[in-house]
């Protein structure tokens, strides 16, 4: 299934990487196959990025979502080694895998810049964001006994910060 959400990620939107263990898949999602959302976390504590698409797994074609919680990310800034909470959801099966805290994964943000206005509409809160995720510990299955590991994950997407006042 190809999602019709490509523009939500920008023309260069992508998520590339591998997951293995409780769910095994090679991820090579491009803008036309990918849904992206990015928003501030509650109470202004950084941002949350969500990438979703369809992947071929050991159990067949599945809808997966990958969520990165970045409590120390600041609007418009690049950064290295940001502690990151990671959740992977196998949506079709209702399985969740997550880090227990932010000590086992980190993210390098290579680019975070204001997105060019689309069709003449200026939205100063919209940013293009790209980076890479690194995890040294597996993500435990919530309410299960499996785990999964994330390898070589890189992304390009969009992040909407609150509109400036």
N, C-alpha and C. Protein backbone atom coordinates (compact mmCIF):
# COMPACT_ATOMS: atom_id res chain seq x y z
N UNK A 1 0.84 -1.18 0.00
CA UNK A 1 0.00 0.00 0.00
C UNK A 1 0.89 1.24 0.00
N UNK A 2 0.66 2.15 -0.93
CA UNK A 2 1.40 3.40 -0.97
C UNK A 2 0.52 4.46 -0.33
N UNK A 3 1.05 5.13 0.66
CA UNK A 3 0.29 6.17 1.33
C UNK A 3 0.29 7.42 0.47
N UNK A 4 -0.76 8.18 0.53
CA UNK A 4 -0.88 9.41 -0.22
C UNK A 4 -0.40 10.61 0.61
N UNK A 5 0.55 10.41 1.49
CA UNK A 5 0.98 11.44 2.42
C UNK A 5 2.33 12.04 2.07
N UNK A 6 2.89 11.75 0.90
CA UNK A 6 4.21 12.20 0.54
C UNK A 6 4.52 13.65 0.84
N UNK A 7 3.62 14.59 0.46
CA UNK A 7 3.93 16.00 0.71
C UNK A 7 4.16 16.33 2.18
N UNK A 8 3.65 15.51 3.10
CA UNK A 8 3.86 15.79 4.52
C UNK A 8 5.33 15.68 4.91
N UNK A 9 6.11 15.01 4.07
CA UNK A 9 7.53 14.81 4.35
C UNK A 9 8.42 15.75 3.55
N UNK A 10 7.86 16.48 2.61
CA UNK A 10 8.65 17.26 1.69
C UNK A 10 9.12 16.38 0.54
N UNK A 11 9.54 16.99 -0.52
CA UNK A 11 9.94 16.25 -1.72
C UNK A 11 11.11 15.31 -1.46
N UNK A 12 11.97 15.65 -0.50
CA UNK A 12 13.14 14.82 -0.20
C UNK A 12 12.93 13.90 0.99
N UNK A 13 11.70 13.80 1.47
CA UNK A 13 11.42 12.99 2.65
C UNK A 13 11.88 11.55 2.48
N UNK A 14 12.44 11.00 3.56
CA UNK A 14 12.89 9.60 3.51
C UNK A 14 13.14 9.08 4.91
N UNK A 15 13.09 7.76 5.02
CA UNK A 15 13.53 7.07 6.22
C UNK A 15 14.19 5.78 5.74
N UNK A 16 15.46 5.63 6.07
CA UNK A 16 16.26 4.49 5.62
C UNK A 16 16.87 3.81 6.83
N UNK A 17 16.91 2.49 6.81
CA UNK A 17 17.55 1.77 7.90
C UNK A 17 17.09 0.33 7.97
N UNK A 18 17.45 -0.32 9.06
CA UNK A 18 17.11 -1.73 9.29
C UNK A 18 16.56 -1.87 10.70
N UNK A 19 15.56 -2.73 10.84
CA UNK A 19 15.15 -3.17 12.16
C UNK A 19 15.17 -4.69 12.15
N UNK A 20 15.55 -5.28 13.26
CA UNK A 20 15.62 -6.74 13.33
C UNK A 20 15.39 -7.19 14.76
N UNK A 21 15.01 -8.44 14.89
CA UNK A 21 14.65 -9.02 16.18
C UNK A 21 13.19 -9.40 16.11
N UNK A 22 12.36 -8.82 17.00
CA UNK A 22 10.93 -9.11 17.04
C UNK A 22 10.21 -8.77 15.75
N UNK A 23 10.71 -7.80 15.01
CA UNK A 23 10.24 -7.45 13.67
C UNK A 23 11.49 -7.25 12.84
N UNK A 24 11.50 -7.84 11.65
CA UNK A 24 12.67 -7.70 10.78
C UNK A 24 12.23 -7.04 9.49
N UNK A 25 12.88 -5.90 9.14
CA UNK A 25 12.54 -5.21 7.90
C UNK A 25 13.67 -4.29 7.49
N UNK A 26 13.85 -4.18 6.19
CA UNK A 26 14.70 -3.14 5.61
C UNK A 26 13.79 -1.98 5.27
N UNK A 27 14.12 -0.81 5.75
CA UNK A 27 13.30 0.37 5.53
C UNK A 27 13.96 1.25 4.47
N UNK A 28 13.25 1.47 3.40
CA UNK A 28 13.71 2.34 2.32
C UNK A 28 12.50 3.13 1.87
N UNK A 29 12.02 3.98 2.75
CA UNK A 29 10.82 4.76 2.49
C UNK A 29 11.21 6.11 1.91
N UNK A 30 10.58 6.46 0.81
CA UNK A 30 10.78 7.76 0.16
C UNK A 30 9.50 8.57 0.31
N UNK A 31 9.54 9.83 -0.11
CA UNK A 31 8.44 10.76 0.12
C UNK A 31 7.08 10.21 -0.30
N UNK A 32 7.01 9.51 -1.42
CA UNK A 32 5.71 9.02 -1.90
C UNK A 32 5.23 7.78 -1.14
N UNK A 33 6.04 7.23 -0.26
CA UNK A 33 5.70 6.02 0.51
C UNK A 33 5.68 6.28 2.01
N UNK A 34 5.76 7.53 2.40
CA UNK A 34 6.07 7.87 3.78
C UNK A 34 5.13 8.95 4.30
N UNK A 35 4.73 8.79 5.53
CA UNK A 35 3.96 9.81 6.23
C UNK A 35 4.85 10.38 7.33
N UNK A 36 4.95 11.69 7.40
CA UNK A 36 5.78 12.36 8.40
C UNK A 36 4.95 13.35 9.20
N UNK A 37 5.18 13.37 10.49
CA UNK A 37 4.66 14.44 11.33
C UNK A 37 5.75 14.76 12.35
N UNK A 38 5.81 16.01 12.70
CA UNK A 38 6.75 16.45 13.71
C UNK A 38 6.13 17.61 14.46
N UNK A 39 6.25 17.59 15.78
CA UNK A 39 5.62 18.60 16.59
C UNK A 39 6.37 18.76 17.91
N UNK A 40 6.13 19.87 18.60
CA UNK A 40 6.73 20.00 19.93
C UNK A 40 6.19 18.94 20.88
N UNK A 41 7.03 18.51 21.81
CA UNK A 41 6.59 17.60 22.87
C UNK A 41 5.82 18.41 23.91
N UNK A 42 5.05 17.75 24.76
CA UNK A 42 4.30 18.48 25.79
C UNK A 42 5.21 19.36 26.64
N UNK A 43 4.68 20.48 27.05
CA UNK A 43 5.37 21.45 27.91
C UNK A 43 6.62 22.03 27.26
N UNK A 44 6.70 21.99 25.93
CA UNK A 44 7.83 22.58 25.22
C UNK A 44 9.14 21.84 25.41
N UNK A 45 9.09 20.59 25.81
CA UNK A 45 10.31 19.80 26.06
C UNK A 45 10.77 19.14 24.75
N UNK A 46 11.36 19.94 23.86
CA UNK A 46 11.90 19.40 22.62
C UNK A 46 10.82 19.11 21.60
N UNK A 47 11.05 18.05 20.81
CA UNK A 47 10.12 17.72 19.72
C UNK A 47 9.96 16.21 19.59
N UNK A 48 8.92 15.85 18.86
CA UNK A 48 8.63 14.45 18.55
C UNK A 48 8.50 14.34 17.03
N UNK A 49 9.19 13.35 16.45
CA UNK A 49 9.11 13.08 15.02
C UNK A 49 8.46 11.71 14.83
N UNK A 50 7.53 11.61 13.88
CA UNK A 50 6.87 10.33 13.58
C UNK A 50 6.99 10.07 12.08
N UNK A 51 7.46 8.86 11.76
CA UNK A 51 7.59 8.41 10.38
C UNK A 51 6.78 7.11 10.27
N UNK A 52 5.96 6.98 9.23
CA UNK A 52 5.16 5.77 9.07
C UNK A 52 5.11 5.37 7.61
N UNK A 53 5.07 4.05 7.40
CA UNK A 53 5.00 3.52 6.05
C UNK A 53 4.77 2.02 6.09
N UNK A 54 4.81 1.44 4.91
CA UNK A 54 4.60 0.00 4.76
C UNK A 54 5.94 -0.67 4.52
N UNK A 55 6.17 -1.79 5.20
CA UNK A 55 7.43 -2.53 5.04
C UNK A 55 7.14 -4.02 4.91
N UNK A 56 7.98 -4.71 4.17
CA UNK A 56 7.90 -6.16 4.09
C UNK A 56 8.68 -6.72 5.28
N UNK A 57 7.98 -7.47 6.13
CA UNK A 57 8.60 -8.07 7.32
C UNK A 57 8.56 -9.58 7.18
N UNK A 58 9.10 -10.27 8.16
CA UNK A 58 9.02 -11.74 8.19
C UNK A 58 7.58 -12.22 8.19
N UNK A 59 6.67 -11.41 8.74
CA UNK A 59 5.25 -11.77 8.82
C UNK A 59 4.44 -11.25 7.64
N UNK A 60 5.11 -10.71 6.63
CA UNK A 60 4.42 -10.15 5.47
C UNK A 60 4.44 -8.63 5.50
N UNK A 61 3.64 -8.02 4.65
CA UNK A 61 3.61 -6.57 4.55
C UNK A 61 2.91 -5.99 5.79
N UNK A 62 3.58 -5.02 6.43
CA UNK A 62 3.05 -4.44 7.66
C UNK A 62 3.17 -2.92 7.63
N UNK A 63 2.23 -2.29 8.35
CA UNK A 63 2.29 -0.85 8.58
C UNK A 63 3.15 -0.63 9.82
N UNK A 64 4.21 0.14 9.67
CA UNK A 64 5.10 0.44 10.79
C UNK A 64 5.13 1.95 11.03
N UNK A 65 5.29 2.32 12.28
CA UNK A 65 5.51 3.71 12.65
C UNK A 65 6.72 3.77 13.56
N UNK A 66 7.55 4.77 13.34
CA UNK A 66 8.74 4.99 14.16
C UNK A 66 8.65 6.39 14.73
N UNK A 67 8.72 6.49 16.05
CA UNK A 67 8.57 7.77 16.73
C UNK A 67 9.86 8.06 17.51
N UNK A 68 10.39 9.25 17.29
CA UNK A 68 11.60 9.71 17.98
C UNK A 68 11.21 10.85 18.91
N UNK A 69 11.44 10.67 20.20
CA UNK A 69 11.21 11.73 21.18
C UNK A 69 12.55 12.37 21.51
N UNK A 70 12.66 13.66 21.21
CA UNK A 70 13.92 14.40 21.35
C UNK A 70 13.72 15.54 22.36
N UNK A 71 13.85 15.25 23.66
CA UNK A 71 13.54 16.26 24.67
C UNK A 71 14.47 17.48 24.67
N UNK A 72 15.67 17.36 24.09
CA UNK A 72 16.61 18.48 24.12
C UNK A 72 16.74 19.20 22.79
N UNK A 73 15.91 18.87 21.81
CA UNK A 73 15.97 19.54 20.51
C UNK A 73 15.38 20.93 20.62
N UNK A 74 16.05 21.89 20.02
CA UNK A 74 15.60 23.28 20.02
C UNK A 74 15.29 23.72 18.60
N UNK A 75 14.32 24.59 18.48
CA UNK A 75 13.88 25.11 17.19
C UNK A 75 15.04 25.70 16.39
N UNK A 76 15.19 25.21 15.14
CA UNK A 76 16.16 25.76 14.21
C UNK A 76 17.60 25.36 14.45
N UNK A 77 17.89 24.52 15.43
CA UNK A 77 19.27 24.17 15.74
C UNK A 77 19.63 22.77 15.29
N UNK A 78 20.87 22.60 14.88
CA UNK A 78 21.42 21.26 14.66
C UNK A 78 22.04 20.83 15.99
N UNK A 79 22.31 19.54 16.11
CA UNK A 79 22.86 19.05 17.38
C UNK A 79 23.45 17.67 17.17
N UNK A 80 24.34 17.29 18.07
CA UNK A 80 24.92 15.94 18.07
C UNK A 80 24.59 15.25 19.38
N UNK A 81 24.40 13.94 19.28
CA UNK A 81 24.21 13.07 20.44
C UNK A 81 23.07 13.50 21.35
N UNK A 82 21.92 13.84 20.74
CA UNK A 82 20.74 14.18 21.53
C UNK A 82 20.13 12.89 22.10
N UNK A 83 19.98 12.77 23.41
CA UNK A 83 19.31 11.60 23.97
C UNK A 83 17.92 11.47 23.34
N UNK A 84 17.54 10.22 23.01
CA UNK A 84 16.32 10.01 22.24
C UNK A 84 15.53 8.82 22.78
N UNK A 85 14.24 9.02 22.95
CA UNK A 85 13.34 7.92 23.26
C UNK A 85 12.78 7.43 21.93
N UNK A 86 12.83 6.13 21.69
CA UNK A 86 12.42 5.56 20.41
C UNK A 86 11.29 4.57 20.63
N UNK A 87 10.26 4.67 19.80
CA UNK A 87 9.16 3.70 19.81
C UNK A 87 8.95 3.23 18.38
N UNK A 88 8.83 1.91 18.20
CA UNK A 88 8.48 1.32 16.92
C UNK A 88 7.16 0.60 17.12
N UNK A 89 6.20 0.90 16.26
CA UNK A 89 4.87 0.30 16.36
C UNK A 89 4.60 -0.53 15.11
N UNK A 90 4.28 -1.79 15.31
CA UNK A 90 3.80 -2.64 14.22
C UNK A 90 2.27 -2.48 14.27
N UNK A 91 1.76 -1.51 13.51
CA UNK A 91 0.37 -1.08 13.64
C UNK A 91 -0.63 -2.20 13.35
N UNK A 92 -0.37 -3.02 12.34
CA UNK A 92 -1.31 -4.09 11.98
C UNK A 92 -1.49 -5.10 13.11
N UNK A 93 -0.43 -5.34 13.87
CA UNK A 93 -0.46 -6.37 14.92
C UNK A 93 -0.64 -5.77 16.31
N UNK A 94 -0.62 -4.44 16.43
CA UNK A 94 -0.76 -3.83 17.74
C UNK A 94 0.42 -4.07 18.66
N UNK A 95 1.62 -4.26 18.07
CA UNK A 95 2.82 -4.50 18.88
C UNK A 95 3.61 -3.19 19.00
N UNK A 96 4.11 -2.94 20.19
CA UNK A 96 4.89 -1.75 20.49
C UNK A 96 6.26 -2.18 21.02
N UNK A 97 7.30 -1.52 20.56
CA UNK A 97 8.66 -1.71 21.06
C UNK A 97 9.17 -0.32 21.44
N UNK A 98 9.82 -0.22 22.60
CA UNK A 98 10.24 1.11 23.04
C UNK A 98 11.46 1.04 23.94
N UNK A 99 12.20 2.14 23.95
CA UNK A 99 13.29 2.28 24.91
C UNK A 99 12.67 2.55 26.27
N UNK A 100 13.33 2.12 27.32
CA UNK A 100 12.79 2.34 28.66
C UNK A 100 13.13 3.74 29.17
N UNK A 101 14.16 4.35 28.59
CA UNK A 101 14.55 5.72 28.95
C UNK A 101 15.34 6.29 27.77
N UNK A 102 16.02 7.39 27.97
CA UNK A 102 16.74 8.02 26.86
C UNK A 102 18.25 7.80 26.91
N UNK A 103 18.68 6.76 27.61
CA UNK A 103 20.12 6.54 27.73
C UNK A 103 20.69 5.59 26.68
N UNK A 104 19.86 4.85 25.94
CA UNK A 104 20.37 3.86 25.01
C UNK A 104 20.37 4.28 23.55
N UNK A 105 19.73 5.41 23.23
CA UNK A 105 19.69 5.88 21.84
C UNK A 105 19.95 7.38 21.81
N UNK A 106 20.54 7.83 20.72
CA UNK A 106 20.76 9.26 20.53
C UNK A 106 20.63 9.58 19.05
N UNK A 107 20.41 10.87 18.78
CA UNK A 107 20.19 11.35 17.42
C UNK A 107 21.13 12.51 17.13
N UNK A 108 21.69 12.49 15.92
CA UNK A 108 22.42 13.65 15.39
C UNK A 108 21.48 14.35 14.42
N UNK A 109 21.24 15.63 14.63
CA UNK A 109 20.42 16.43 13.72
C UNK A 109 21.39 17.18 12.81
N UNK A 110 21.39 16.82 11.53
CA UNK A 110 22.31 17.43 10.56
C UNK A 110 21.78 18.73 9.98
N UNK A 111 20.44 18.81 9.86
CA UNK A 111 19.84 20.01 9.26
C UNK A 111 18.50 20.25 9.93
N UNK A 112 18.24 21.50 10.23
CA UNK A 112 16.93 21.96 10.67
C UNK A 112 16.80 23.40 10.22
N UNK A 113 16.06 23.58 9.12
CA UNK A 113 15.94 24.92 8.56
C UNK A 113 14.50 25.17 8.14
N UNK A 114 14.16 26.44 8.14
CA UNK A 114 12.79 26.80 7.80
C UNK A 114 12.46 26.33 6.39
N UNK A 115 11.29 25.70 6.24
CA UNK A 115 10.87 25.19 4.94
C UNK A 115 10.44 26.34 4.03
N UNK A 116 10.72 26.20 2.76
CA UNK A 116 10.28 27.19 1.78
C UNK A 116 8.75 27.18 1.75
N UNK A 117 8.14 28.35 1.63
CA UNK A 117 6.68 28.39 1.59
C UNK A 117 6.14 27.63 0.38
N UNK A 118 5.06 26.90 0.59
CA UNK A 118 4.39 26.20 -0.51
C UNK A 118 3.27 27.08 -1.03
N UNK A 119 3.17 27.19 -2.32
CA UNK A 119 2.12 27.95 -3.02
C UNK A 119 1.91 29.35 -2.43
N UNK A 120 3.01 30.03 -2.14
CA UNK A 120 2.95 31.41 -1.71
C UNK A 120 2.53 31.63 -0.26
N UNK A 121 2.21 30.58 0.47
CA UNK A 121 1.78 30.71 1.85
C UNK A 121 2.99 30.60 2.78
N UNK A 122 3.22 31.62 3.57
CA UNK A 122 4.35 31.62 4.50
C UNK A 122 3.93 30.95 5.81
N UNK A 123 4.68 29.94 6.22
CA UNK A 123 4.44 29.25 7.49
C UNK A 123 5.77 29.18 8.22
N UNK A 124 6.12 30.21 8.98
CA UNK A 124 7.43 30.27 9.61
C UNK A 124 7.67 29.17 10.65
N UNK A 125 6.64 28.43 11.04
CA UNK A 125 6.81 27.37 12.03
C UNK A 125 7.21 26.05 11.39
N UNK A 126 7.19 25.94 10.06
CA UNK A 126 7.51 24.68 9.37
C UNK A 126 9.00 24.60 9.05
N UNK A 127 9.62 23.47 9.47
CA UNK A 127 11.04 23.26 9.28
C UNK A 127 11.30 21.93 8.57
N UNK A 128 12.33 21.90 7.74
CA UNK A 128 12.87 20.65 7.21
C UNK A 128 13.89 20.15 8.22
N UNK A 129 13.89 18.86 8.46
CA UNK A 129 14.81 18.30 9.45
C UNK A 129 15.41 17.01 8.91
N UNK A 130 16.69 16.81 9.14
CA UNK A 130 17.33 15.55 8.74
C UNK A 130 18.32 15.15 9.81
N UNK A 131 18.55 13.84 9.89
CA UNK A 131 19.49 13.35 10.90
C UNK A 131 19.65 11.85 10.85
N UNK A 132 20.27 11.33 11.89
CA UNK A 132 20.54 9.90 12.00
C UNK A 132 20.34 9.48 13.46
N UNK A 133 19.78 8.28 13.63
CA UNK A 133 19.54 7.70 14.95
C UNK A 133 20.52 6.57 15.19
N UNK A 134 21.05 6.51 16.41
CA UNK A 134 21.97 5.45 16.82
C UNK A 134 21.45 4.85 18.13
N UNK A 135 21.38 3.53 18.22
CA UNK A 135 20.97 2.86 19.45
C UNK A 135 22.00 1.80 19.81
N UNK A 136 22.36 1.75 21.09
CA UNK A 136 23.29 0.73 21.57
C UNK A 136 22.57 -0.33 22.39
N UNK A 137 21.28 -0.13 22.63
CA UNK A 137 20.48 -1.12 23.34
C UNK A 137 19.24 -1.43 22.51
N UNK A 138 18.71 -2.65 22.61
CA UNK A 138 17.49 -2.99 21.88
C UNK A 138 16.26 -2.33 22.50
N UNK A 139 15.19 -2.26 21.74
CA UNK A 139 13.92 -1.74 22.20
C UNK A 139 13.09 -2.92 22.67
N UNK A 140 12.64 -2.89 23.91
CA UNK A 140 11.85 -3.99 24.47
C UNK A 140 10.41 -3.91 24.00
N UNK A 141 9.81 -5.08 23.79
CA UNK A 141 8.39 -5.12 23.43
C UNK A 141 7.57 -4.78 24.67
N UNK A 142 6.60 -3.89 24.49
CA UNK A 142 5.68 -3.54 25.56
C UNK A 142 4.64 -4.66 25.62
N UNK A 143 4.44 -5.25 26.77
CA UNK A 143 3.52 -6.36 26.99
C UNK A 143 3.88 -7.58 26.13
N UNK A 144 5.16 -7.87 26.06
CA UNK A 144 5.63 -9.05 25.34
C UNK A 144 7.05 -9.35 25.76
N UNK A 145 7.63 -10.41 25.20
CA UNK A 145 8.98 -10.78 25.61
C UNK A 145 10.01 -10.65 24.50
N UNK A 146 9.64 -10.04 23.38
CA UNK A 146 10.57 -9.85 22.28
C UNK A 146 11.26 -8.49 22.40
N UNK A 147 12.22 -8.26 21.55
CA UNK A 147 12.86 -6.95 21.45
C UNK A 147 13.25 -6.75 19.99
N UNK A 148 13.62 -5.54 19.65
CA UNK A 148 14.14 -5.30 18.31
C UNK A 148 15.26 -4.29 18.39
N UNK A 149 16.13 -4.36 17.39
CA UNK A 149 17.25 -3.44 17.29
C UNK A 149 17.08 -2.59 16.05
N UNK A 150 17.62 -1.39 16.12
CA UNK A 150 17.55 -0.43 15.01
C UNK A 150 18.98 -0.19 14.54
N UNK A 151 19.18 -0.25 13.23
CA UNK A 151 20.53 -0.04 12.68
C UNK A 151 20.48 0.91 11.50
N UNK A 152 21.47 1.77 11.43
CA UNK A 152 21.69 2.65 10.28
C UNK A 152 20.46 3.46 9.89
N UNK A 153 19.77 4.04 10.87
CA UNK A 153 18.55 4.77 10.58
C UNK A 153 18.87 6.23 10.29
N UNK A 154 18.49 6.67 9.11
CA UNK A 154 18.62 8.09 8.75
C UNK A 154 17.27 8.58 8.25
N UNK A 155 17.02 9.87 8.39
CA UNK A 155 15.71 10.41 8.05
C UNK A 155 15.79 11.83 7.51
N UNK A 156 14.78 12.17 6.72
CA UNK A 156 14.54 13.53 6.26
C UNK A 156 13.04 13.73 6.36
N UNK A 157 12.60 14.76 7.06
CA UNK A 157 11.18 14.99 7.22
C UNK A 157 10.87 16.44 7.53
N UNK A 158 9.73 16.65 8.13
CA UNK A 158 9.27 17.98 8.48
C UNK A 158 8.91 18.03 9.96
N UNK A 159 9.06 19.22 10.50
CA UNK A 159 8.76 19.47 11.90
C UNK A 159 8.05 20.80 11.99
N UNK A 160 6.88 20.82 12.61
CA UNK A 160 6.12 22.06 12.78
C UNK A 160 6.21 22.49 14.23
N UNK A 161 6.96 23.56 14.44
CA UNK A 161 7.04 24.14 15.77
C UNK A 161 5.83 25.02 15.97
N UNK A 162 5.55 25.44 17.19
CA UNK A 162 4.46 26.37 17.42
C UNK A 162 4.72 27.66 16.68
N UNK A 163 3.66 28.27 16.18
CA UNK A 163 3.79 29.54 15.47
C UNK A 163 4.36 30.59 16.42
N UNK A 164 5.31 31.40 15.92
CA UNK A 164 5.88 32.44 16.79
C UNK A 164 4.79 33.46 17.17
N UNK A 165 4.93 34.00 18.38
CA UNK A 165 3.91 34.97 18.86
C UNK A 165 4.43 36.37 18.75
